């Protein structure tokens, strides 16, 4: 039997010559017949009909075409019934799909509750990698105060304050570092001796005693999306060994010549209730951070105009600020966070003594402490010369303060005697909470004395930092049984 394509052509030719008294078909009619047959070439009956026509068996072709018509009609009827049933089924399922609109909020709530439940699980902290050198020499003492920014990548950017000034030991230096998200190592980006008898106007290797620092995500002047972490100083503009001569704020990369002195005692409060500090005190500095432009913002002392500080320089705006009311209105109209810098020479941070409820420096061994860093119940305890400061840089690229609560329970030791020695253990618990009251993580670290008759170190400030995105942090009991330099990375699993 000829192929369907050949048969069609033969049939058309015969139709033109013989059908209906040899009345020829027009070219348009020939095309219509040809197209109609071609589109139905997958029908076996039709193919038989076409071939029959091509072979001059018109009667056979007519019979076969009638069968095709009947078959097609029946098929269409069946298809119509099937479509009707399917439509009814889809209508039913469609009404159920409408429930998804109401299910979405419920699913979000389930996810939120699950995340909260995970955050409420107290996670044990494990030491990982030494980052300080143990020594019986007190010059290896490492301060416990930190300025920390927890990046959403899991990395942490830290200022570790120096324990002493004019010290010759590396561990006593002011240190700026990045702590890896895996908790396995740190990368020191810069260290500096803290000098009280020397001054360098573009600090590359040393920084002055009268000053504070921060380590912040800052954009470049021409690209707000180009964000990198940058060391920021607040320091003097000339050497003095007695009275601080306040100079202002500048970024390390852009250099000392970009220093800007904020207008004195012109302050505003951010969305979290934290106020800037512009009293020109060398150890109390609070600066506005713009969460849209990712820069620091301050009112210049000399011109009273707003200056934006990026990591690669300043942008002097045309916005003049005459008083605190105008500055507050500017802050309220934007998205700002106040950054509280940390004093270069904090040895230990402050906490409450469990025994007498007094707030004091946490520098005693075998003593239980509790307290918080951040802003809680209308009280701000961040940075400056008493506290650590903790922030997070979110997935939405916003710098937000974090409340850092701690409580340690330390059993006191007993001196060895003929009846034996008792050396109790200690535990510190830490909770990180957002300013909105969201629990970001709960952690616990337990320690035992390393020698009979001695304590477990200063547990109140032992957890220097712990990143809620990665669970990576730093542990430092400061001193235990004639050993200093106990800092090491840690992880909560």
Protein backbone atom coordinates (compact mmCIF):
# COMPACT_ATOMS: atom_id res chain seq x y z
CA UNK A 1 0.00 0.00 0.00
CA UNK A 2 1.29 3.42 -0.91
CA UNK A 3 2.37 5.76 1.83
CA UNK A 4 -0.20 8.24 3.10
CA UNK A 5 1.70 11.20 1.63
CA UNK A 6 1.79 9.75 -1.87
CA UNK A 7 -1.78 8.53 -1.62
CA UNK A 8 -2.99 12.00 -0.71
CA UNK A 9 -1.35 13.55 -3.73
CA UNK A 10 -2.76 10.89 -6.09
CA UNK A 11 -6.22 11.27 -4.60
CA UNK A 12 -6.22 15.00 -5.04
CA UNK A 13 -5.17 14.64 -8.66
CA UNK A 14 -8.02 12.16 -9.33
CA UNK A 15 -10.54 14.38 -7.58
CA UNK A 16 -9.54 17.25 -9.78
CA UNK A 17 -9.99 15.18 -12.95
CA UNK A 18 -12.99 12.91 -12.29
CA UNK A 19 -15.17 13.81 -9.25
CA UNK A 20 -18.64 15.25 -9.82
CA UNK A 21 -18.67 15.18 -13.56
CA UNK A 22 -15.10 16.18 -14.01
CA UNK A 23 -15.69 19.55 -12.33
CA UNK A 24 -12.18 20.62 -11.33
CA UNK A 25 -11.36 21.79 -7.83
CA UNK A 26 -9.85 25.21 -7.39
CA UNK A 27 -6.32 25.56 -6.03
CA UNK A 28 -7.77 26.73 -2.70
CA UNK A 29 -10.07 23.70 -2.52
CA UNK A 30 -7.17 21.40 -3.30
CA UNK A 31 -5.18 22.93 -0.42
CA UNK A 32 -8.08 22.55 2.02
CA UNK A 33 -8.57 18.89 1.14
CA UNK A 34 -4.84 18.20 1.38
CA UNK A 35 -4.46 19.96 4.77
CA UNK A 36 -7.50 18.26 6.24
CA UNK A 37 -6.22 14.83 5.28
CA UNK A 38 -2.67 15.54 6.39
CA UNK A 39 -3.80 16.61 9.91
CA UNK A 40 -5.57 13.32 10.37
CA UNK A 41 -2.81 11.03 9.14
CA UNK A 42 -2.52 9.27 12.47
CA UNK A 43 -5.92 7.64 11.95
CA UNK A 44 -5.59 4.13 10.50
CA UNK A 45 -9.10 4.10 9.04
CA UNK A 46 -8.54 7.41 7.35
CA UNK A 47 -5.34 6.19 5.79
CA UNK A 48 -7.20 3.24 4.33
CA UNK A 49 -9.79 5.61 2.92
CA UNK A 50 -7.24 7.88 1.38
CA UNK A 51 -5.38 5.03 -0.21
CA UNK A 52 -8.63 3.60 -1.54
CA UNK A 53 -9.43 6.91 -3.20
CA UNK A 54 -5.97 7.09 -4.62
CA UNK A 55 -6.50 3.65 -6.12
CA UNK A 56 -9.91 4.64 -7.60
CA UNK A 57 -11.92 2.58 -5.07
CA UNK A 58 -14.34 5.37 -4.25
CA UNK A 59 -16.98 3.13 -2.68
CA UNK A 60 -14.46 1.58 -0.35
CA UNK A 61 -13.23 5.03 0.51
CA UNK A 62 -16.76 6.26 1.28
CA UNK A 63 -17.44 3.30 3.58
CA UNK A 64 -14.18 3.74 5.39
CA UNK A 65 -14.72 7.46 5.82
CA UNK A 66 -18.18 6.80 7.30
CA UNK A 67 -16.55 4.48 9.81
CA UNK A 68 -14.06 7.20 10.59
CA UNK A 69 -16.87 9.68 11.13
CA UNK A 70 -18.81 7.33 13.40
CA UNK A 71 -15.69 6.43 15.35
CA UNK A 72 -14.69 10.08 15.70
CA UNK A 73 -18.18 11.04 16.85
CA UNK A 74 -18.20 8.34 19.48
CA UNK A 75 -14.74 9.37 20.60
CA UNK A 76 -15.79 12.99 20.86
CA UNK A 77 -18.83 12.02 22.91
CA UNK A 78 -16.64 10.00 25.27
CA UNK A 79 -14.15 12.83 25.48
CA UNK A 80 -16.94 15.29 26.31
CA UNK A 81 -18.20 13.08 29.13
CA UNK A 82 -14.65 12.65 30.44
CA UNK A 83 -14.05 16.39 30.36
CA UNK A 84 -17.29 16.99 32.24
CA UNK A 85 -16.24 14.55 34.95
CA UNK A 86 -12.75 16.06 35.09
CA UNK A 87 -14.18 19.56 35.38
CA UNK A 88 -16.33 18.48 38.31
CA UNK A 89 -13.31 16.90 39.97
CA UNK A 90 -11.19 20.02 39.38
CA UNK A 91 -13.93 22.22 40.84
CA UNK A 92 -13.87 20.06 43.98
CA UNK A 93 -10.09 20.14 44.21
CA UNK A 94 -10.01 23.84 43.44
CA UNK A 95 -12.14 24.58 46.48
CA UNK A 96 -9.62 22.62 48.55
CA UNK A 97 -6.72 24.50 46.98
CA UNK A 98 -8.35 27.71 48.19
CA UNK A 99 -7.52 26.51 51.70
CA UNK A 100 -3.83 27.14 50.95
CA UNK A 101 -4.42 30.85 51.49
CA UNK A 102 -5.40 30.19 55.07
CA UNK A 103 -2.77 27.48 55.50
CA UNK A 104 0.19 29.77 54.69
CA UNK A 105 0.05 31.79 57.94
CA UNK A 106 -0.38 28.58 59.91
CA UNK A 107 2.64 27.02 58.21
CA UNK A 108 4.67 30.14 58.95
CA UNK A 109 3.62 29.93 62.58
CA UNK A 110 4.67 26.28 62.75
CA UNK A 111 8.06 27.14 61.28
CA UNK A 112 8.46 30.04 63.71
CA UNK A 113 7.55 27.86 66.68
CA UNK A 114 9.97 25.20 65.51
CA UNK A 115 12.77 27.76 65.20
CA UNK A 116 11.94 29.13 68.65
CA UNK A 117 11.91 25.62 70.09
CA UNK A 118 15.34 24.94 68.61
CA UNK A 119 16.68 28.23 69.99
CA UNK A 120 15.36 27.36 73.45
CA UNK A 121 17.41 24.19 73.57
CA UNK A 122 20.50 24.86 75.68
CA UNK A 123 23.48 23.88 73.56
CA UNK A 124 26.73 22.80 75.21
CA UNK A 125 29.90 24.65 74.22
CA UNK A 126 33.06 22.73 73.31
CA UNK A 127 36.57 24.25 73.14
CA UNK A 128 38.16 23.79 69.71
CA UNK A 129 41.48 25.52 68.89
CA UNK A 130 43.92 27.49 71.09
CA UNK A 131 44.33 31.09 69.95
CA UNK A 132 46.40 32.36 72.91
CA UNK A 133 49.64 31.02 74.43
CA UNK A 134 49.38 29.68 78.01
CA UNK A 135 52.04 30.98 80.38
CA UNK A 136 52.60 31.45 84.08
CA UNK A 137 53.84 34.96 83.29
CA UNK A 138 51.16 37.57 83.98
CA UNK A 139 52.18 39.51 80.86
CA UNK A 140 50.27 36.86 78.89
CA UNK A 141 46.99 37.94 80.43
CA UNK A 142 44.21 38.38 77.91
CA UNK A 143 41.37 40.85 78.60
CA UNK A 144 37.81 39.51 78.53
CA UNK A 145 36.05 42.53 77.01
CA UNK A 146 35.00 42.37 73.32
CA UNK A 147 33.18 44.33 70.66
CA UNK A 148 31.49 41.71 68.43
CA UNK A 149 29.52 41.78 65.19
CA UNK A 150 27.90 38.45 64.28
CA UNK A 151 27.70 38.32 60.50
CA UNK A 152 24.89 36.28 58.94
CA UNK A 153 27.55 34.20 57.14
CA UNK A 154 28.49 32.76 60.54
CA UNK A 155 31.77 34.68 60.75
CA UNK A 156 32.34 37.01 63.69
CA UNK A 157 34.27 40.27 63.64
CA UNK A 158 35.84 41.19 66.97
CA UNK A 159 37.73 43.83 68.86
CA UNK A 160 39.52 42.13 71.76
CA UNK A 161 40.65 44.83 74.16
CA UNK A 162 44.18 44.99 75.52
CA UNK A 163 44.80 44.02 79.14
CA UNK A 164 47.57 46.56 79.75
CA UNK A 165 49.08 49.54 77.97
CA UNK A 166 52.76 49.94 77.12
CA UNK A 167 53.04 46.14 77.17
CA UNK A 168 55.60 44.21 75.16
CA UNK A 169 53.64 40.97 74.99
CA UNK A 170 51.56 40.24 71.90
CA UNK A 171 48.63 38.85 73.88
CA UNK A 172 48.25 42.08 75.80
CA UNK A 173 47.79 44.00 72.57
CA UNK A 174 44.58 45.40 71.22
CA UNK A 175 43.47 42.82 68.63
CA UNK A 176 41.10 42.97 65.66
CA UNK A 177 40.14 39.61 64.20
CA UNK A 178 37.73 37.53 62.17
CA UNK A 179 36.53 34.29 63.74
CA UNK A 180 35.63 31.66 61.14
CA UNK A 181 32.11 30.23 61.07
CA UNK A 182 33.46 26.69 61.59
CA UNK A 183 34.96 27.73 64.93
CA UNK A 184 38.29 26.18 63.99
CA UNK A 185 40.46 29.27 63.67
CA UNK A 186 40.78 33.02 63.81
CA UNK A 187 42.35 35.47 61.38
CA UNK A 188 44.00 38.47 63.02
CA UNK A 189 43.53 41.46 60.75
CA UNK A 190 45.39 43.98 62.92
CA UNK A 191 46.97 44.28 66.35
CA UNK A 192 48.24 47.33 68.16
CA UNK A 193 50.10 48.11 71.34
CA UNK A 194 48.24 50.55 73.53
CA UNK A 195 50.59 53.47 74.11
CA UNK A 196 50.24 56.14 76.76
CA UNK A 197 53.50 57.87 75.94
CA UNK A 198 53.54 57.91 72.15
CA UNK A 199 51.16 58.95 69.40
CA UNK A 200 50.94 58.15 65.72
CA UNK A 201 48.53 60.14 63.61
CA UNK A 202 47.78 57.39 61.14
CA UNK A 203 47.82 54.25 63.27
CA UNK A 204 49.39 51.40 61.33
CA UNK A 205 51.14 49.63 64.16
CA UNK A 206 50.06 51.43 67.34
CA UNK A 207 47.15 53.31 68.79
CA UNK A 208 46.82 55.77 71.61
CA UNK A 209 45.71 54.89 75.12
CA UNK A 210 42.86 57.41 75.15
CA UNK A 211 40.58 55.88 72.55
CA UNK A 212 37.86 53.43 71.56
CA UNK A 213 37.29 51.13 68.58
CA UNK A 214 34.65 49.26 66.59
CA UNK A 215 34.74 46.75 63.73
CA UNK A 216 31.88 47.42 61.32
CA UNK A 217 30.36 46.45 57.94
CA UNK A 218 30.84 49.61 55.86
CA UNK A 219 30.10 50.35 52.22
CA UNK A 220 32.21 52.31 49.76
CA UNK A 221 31.25 55.87 48.84
CA UNK A 222 30.04 54.93 45.37
CA UNK A 223 28.36 51.60 46.05
CA UNK A 224 26.14 50.91 49.04
CA UNK A 225 26.10 47.20 48.13
CA UNK A 226 29.90 46.90 48.32
CA UNK A 227 30.14 46.13 52.04
CA UNK A 228 33.31 45.05 53.83
CA UNK A 229 34.28 44.99 57.48
CA UNK A 230 36.43 47.90 58.54
CA UNK A 231 38.24 48.96 61.74
CA UNK A 232 37.00 52.30 63.04
CA UNK A 233 38.87 54.39 65.61
CA UNK A 234 37.73 57.14 67.93
CA UNK A 235 40.85 58.82 69.23
CA UNK A 236 42.93 61.95 69.90
CA UNK A 237 44.26 64.44 67.40
CA UNK A 238 47.45 65.23 69.31
CA UNK A 239 49.70 63.60 71.87
CA UNK A 240 48.99 64.00 75.54
CA UNK A 241 49.86 61.82 78.52
CA UNK A 242 47.57 63.45 81.03
CA UNK A 243 44.31 64.82 79.60
CA UNK A 244 42.52 63.36 76.60
CA UNK A 245 42.48 65.71 73.63
CA UNK A 246 39.59 64.31 71.64
CA UNK A 247 39.97 64.34 67.87
CA UNK A 248 37.06 62.35 66.48
CA UNK A 249 36.27 59.25 64.41
CA UNK A 250 37.98 57.83 61.33
CA UNK A 251 38.21 54.57 59.39
CA UNK A 252 41.57 52.82 59.34
CA UNK A 253 41.59 52.38 55.55
CA UNK A 254 40.84 56.02 54.76
CA UNK A 255 43.40 57.26 57.28
CA UNK A 256 43.71 59.77 60.06
CA UNK A 257 43.25 62.76 57.76
CA UNK A 258 39.60 61.73 57.28
CA UNK A 259 38.91 62.17 61.00
CA UNK A 260 35.62 63.90 61.90
CA UNK A 261 34.90 65.38 65.30
CA UNK A 262 31.20 65.02 66.13
CA UNK A 263 29.45 68.12 67.43
CA UNK A 264 29.71 68.01 71.19
CA UNK A 265 26.66 67.03 73.24
CA UNK A 266 24.42 66.85 70.19
CA UNK A 267 22.77 63.44 70.61
CA UNK A 268 19.87 61.41 69.27
CA UNK A 269 18.24 58.11 70.17
CA UNK A 270 17.86 55.25 67.70
CA UNK A 271 14.90 52.92 67.16
CA UNK A 272 16.07 50.67 70.02
CA UNK A 273 16.26 53.46 72.59
CA UNK A 274 20.07 53.66 72.52
CA UNK A 275 21.55 57.15 72.52
CA UNK A 276 24.65 58.45 70.79
CA UNK A 277 27.53 59.77 72.94
CA UNK A 278 29.19 62.99 71.83
CA UNK A 279 30.54 64.36 75.10
CA UNK A 280 34.11 64.05 73.73
CA UNK A 281 35.05 61.62 76.48
CA UNK A 282 37.81 59.30 75.30
CA UNK A 283 36.06 56.16 76.60
CA UNK A 284 32.39 56.90 75.86
CA UNK A 285 31.57 57.00 72.16
CA UNK A 286 28.28 56.24 70.39
CA UNK A 287 27.84 56.88 66.65
CA UNK A 288 24.89 56.53 64.26
CA UNK A 289 25.02 53.74 61.64
CA UNK A 290 22.81 54.09 58.55
CA UNK A 291 21.26 50.70 57.69
CA UNK A 292 20.43 51.82 54.14
CA UNK A 293 23.70 53.46 53.10
CA UNK A 294 25.86 51.32 55.43
CA UNK A 295 27.93 54.19 56.72
CA UNK A 296 28.50 56.09 59.95
CA UNK A 297 26.73 59.43 60.26
CA UNK A 298 27.63 62.37 62.50
CA UNK A 299 27.20 66.11 62.74
CA UNK A 300 30.52 67.86 62.17
CA UNK A 301 31.70 70.05 65.04
CA UNK A 302 32.94 72.86 62.82
CA UNK A 303 30.25 73.09 60.12
CA UNK A 304 27.13 71.55 61.75
CA UNK A 305 26.44 69.54 58.59
CA UNK A 306 25.99 65.79 58.40
CA UNK A 307 29.05 63.79 57.38
CA UNK A 308 28.77 60.20 56.12
CA UNK A 309 31.82 58.08 56.83
CA UNK A 310 32.50 55.18 54.45
CA UNK A 311 35.45 52.83 54.61
CA UNK A 312 37.12 54.66 51.72
CA UNK A 313 36.42 58.24 52.78
CA UNK A 314 33.83 60.83 53.73
CA UNK A 315 30.83 62.33 51.98
CA UNK A 316 29.97 65.81 53.26
CA UNK A 317 26.24 66.29 52.77
CA UNK A 318 24.19 69.47 52.35
CA UNK A 319 22.06 68.65 55.39
CA UNK A 320 22.59 71.13 58.21
CA UNK A 321 21.59 70.18 61.75
CA UNK A 322 21.09 73.07 64.16
CA UNK A 323 19.98 71.27 67.32
CA UNK A 324 19.08 67.95 68.93
CA UNK A 325 15.45 68.18 67.79
CA UNK A 326 16.48 68.37 64.14
CA UNK A 327 18.92 65.48 64.55
CA UNK A 328 16.27 63.35 66.23
CA UNK A 329 13.80 64.08 63.44
CA UNK A 330 16.42 63.03 60.89
CA UNK A 331 17.06 59.78 62.77
CA UNK A 332 13.35 59.04 63.19
CA UNK A 333 12.82 59.43 59.44
CA UNK A 334 15.49 56.84 58.58
CA UNK A 335 16.77 53.45 59.67
CA UNK A 336 19.62 53.96 62.14
CA UNK A 337 21.44 51.94 64.80
CA UNK A 338 23.69 53.49 67.42
CA UNK A 339 27.10 51.81 67.62
CA UNK A 340 28.71 51.91 71.05
CA UNK A 341 32.49 51.72 70.66
CA UNK A 342 34.60 49.83 73.20
CA UNK A 343 37.45 51.34 75.21
CA UNK A 344 40.89 50.05 74.22
CA UNK A 345 41.95 49.11 77.73
CA UNK A 346 39.09 47.20 79.38
CA UNK A 347 40.66 44.44 81.44
CA UNK A 348 37.40 42.83 82.58
CA UNK A 349 33.78 43.71 82.02
CA UNK A 350 31.23 44.46 84.73
CA UNK A 351 28.65 42.09 86.18
CA UNK A 352 26.61 41.60 89.33
CA UNK A 353 28.10 39.64 92.23
CA UNK A 354 25.68 36.89 93.25
CA UNK A 355 26.55 37.23 96.92
CA UNK A 356 25.99 40.94 97.54
CA UNK A 357 24.23 42.04 94.31
CA UNK A 358 26.82 44.75 93.68
CA UNK A 359 27.84 45.52 90.12
CA UNK A 360 31.59 45.44 89.87
CA UNK A 361 34.48 44.32 87.68
CA UNK A 362 34.38 40.55 87.12
CA UNK A 363 37.96 39.85 88.10
CA UNK A 364 37.61 37.47 91.07
CA UNK A 365 38.17 33.74 90.80
CA UNK A 366 35.69 31.31 92.27
CA UNK A 367 32.90 33.93 92.30
CA UNK A 368 29.44 33.71 90.74
CA UNK A 369 28.29 36.59 88.53
CA UNK A 370 25.32 37.50 86.36
CA UNK A 371 24.35 40.38 84.12
CA UNK A 372 23.76 41.47 80.53
CA UNK A 373 25.25 43.49 77.69
CA UNK A 374 22.85 45.40 75.46
CA UNK A 375 19.69 47.32 76.25
CA UNK A 376 17.15 45.72 78.54
CA UNK A 377 14.28 47.15 80.58
CA UNK A 378 15.27 50.70 79.65
CA UNK A 379 18.92 50.30 80.70
CA UNK A 380 21.82 50.38 78.21
CA UNK A 381 25.05 48.50 78.96
CA UNK A 382 27.07 48.40 75.77
CA UNK A 383 30.73 48.99 75.09
CA UNK A 384 32.47 52.07 76.45
CA UNK A 385 34.70 51.38 79.49
CA UNK A 386 32.59 48.79 81.36
CA UNK A 387 30.81 46.37 79.06
CA UNK A 388 31.13 44.22 75.98
CA UNK A 389 29.03 45.13 72.94
CA UNK A 390 27.28 42.56 70.73
CA UNK A 391 25.64 43.20 67.35
CA UNK A 392 24.42 41.10 64.44
CA UNK A 393 24.48 41.90 60.71
CA UNK A 394 21.35 40.20 59.41
CA UNK A 395 20.47 38.57 56.08
CA UNK A 396 18.58 41.79 55.33
CA UNK A 397 21.90 43.64 55.79
CA UNK A 398 20.87 45.52 58.90
CA UNK A 399 23.12 46.12 61.89
CA UNK A 400 21.14 45.36 65.05
CA UNK A 401 22.19 45.27 68.71
CA UNK A 402 21.90 41.92 70.48
CA UNK A 403 21.12 41.41 74.14
CA UNK A 404 23.69 39.09 75.69
CA UNK A 405 22.61 37.64 79.06
CA UNK A 406 24.96 35.58 81.23
CA UNK A 407 24.85 33.83 84.58
CA UNK A 408 27.58 31.71 86.12
CA UNK A 409 27.51 29.43 89.13
CA UNK A 410 30.92 28.84 90.65
CA UNK A 411 31.52 26.72 93.73
CA UNK A 412 34.36 28.03 95.86
CA UNK A 413 37.48 25.96 96.40
CA UNK A 414 38.97 24.64 99.66
CA UNK A 415 42.66 24.52 100.40
CA UNK A 416 44.18 21.02 100.49
CA UNK A 417 44.35 19.53 103.98
CA UNK A 418 44.77 16.22 105.73
CA UNK A 419 41.08 15.57 105.22
CA UNK A 420 41.42 16.01 101.48
CA UNK A 421 40.75 18.82 99.05
CA UNK A 422 37.46 19.86 97.54
CA UNK A 423 37.50 21.69 94.22
CA UNK A 424 34.06 22.34 92.79
CA UNK A 425 33.19 22.90 89.17
CA UNK A 426 31.54 25.88 87.55
CA UNK A 427 29.03 26.57 84.79
CA UNK A 428 28.08 29.64 82.80
CA UNK A 429 24.90 29.96 80.76
CA UNK A 430 24.51 32.51 77.98
CA UNK A 431 21.36 33.66 76.16
CA UNK A 432 21.34 35.81 73.02
CA UNK A 433 18.15 37.73 72.31
CA UNK A 434 17.14 40.20 69.62
CA UNK A 435 15.78 43.61 70.52
CA UNK A 436 12.35 42.32 69.49
CA UNK A 437 12.55 39.60 72.16
CA UNK A 438 13.38 36.72 69.81
CA UNK A 439 15.62 34.09 71.40
CA UNK A 440 18.61 33.63 69.08
CA UNK A 441 20.42 30.96 71.07
CA UNK A 442 21.03 29.48 74.52
CA UNK A 443 24.42 28.05 75.46
CA UNK A 444 26.17 26.41 78.39
CA UNK A 445 29.82 25.89 79.27
CA UNK A 446 31.06 23.78 82.21
CA UNK A 447 34.55 23.81 83.67
CA UNK A 448 36.47 21.91 86.33
CA UNK A 449 39.54 23.05 88.29
CA UNK A 450 42.85 21.99 86.79
CA UNK A 451 44.45 21.41 90.17
CA UNK A 452 43.24 20.31 93.61
CA UNK A 453 42.29 23.21 95.82
CA UNK A 454 41.87 25.69 92.97
CA UNK A 455 38.89 27.16 91.14
CA UNK A 456 37.79 27.00 87.52
CA UNK A 457 38.72 30.51 86.51
CA UNK A 458 36.56 33.57 85.96
CA UNK A 459 33.45 32.02 84.43
CA UNK A 460 31.41 35.23 84.35
CA UNK A 461 33.26 36.47 81.28
CA UNK A 462 34.46 33.11 79.98
CA UNK A 463 32.23 33.06 76.89
CA UNK A 464 33.64 36.11 75.13
CA UNK A 465 31.30 35.75 72.15
CA UNK A 466 29.08 33.16 70.48
CA UNK A 467 27.67 33.68 66.97
CA UNK A 468 23.97 32.68 66.83
CA UNK A 469 24.21 31.98 63.08
CA UNK A 470 27.02 29.42 63.39
CA UNK A 471 27.45 28.62 67.08
CA UNK A 472 31.14 29.57 66.84
CA UNK A 473 32.75 31.67 69.55
CA UNK A 474 35.67 32.27 71.90
CA UNK A 475 36.26 30.91 75.42
CA UNK A 476 38.59 32.54 77.93
CA UNK A 477 38.59 31.79 81.66
CA UNK A 478 41.44 34.32 81.93
CA UNK A 479 43.40 32.50 84.65
CA UNK A 480 43.42 29.17 86.45
CA UNK A 481 46.11 27.54 88.55
CA UNK A 482 49.07 29.70 87.59
CA UNK A 483 48.19 29.83 83.90
CA UNK A 484 47.21 32.80 81.75
CA UNK A 485 46.49 32.93 78.02
CA UNK A 486 43.61 30.47 78.01
CA UNK A 487 41.75 31.84 74.99
CA UNK A 488 40.54 29.33 72.39
CA UNK A 489 37.85 29.03 69.78
CA UNK A 490 34.71 27.06 70.60
CA UNK A 491 31.55 25.69 69.05
CA UNK A 492 28.06 24.89 70.24
CA UNK A 493 26.69 21.76 68.57
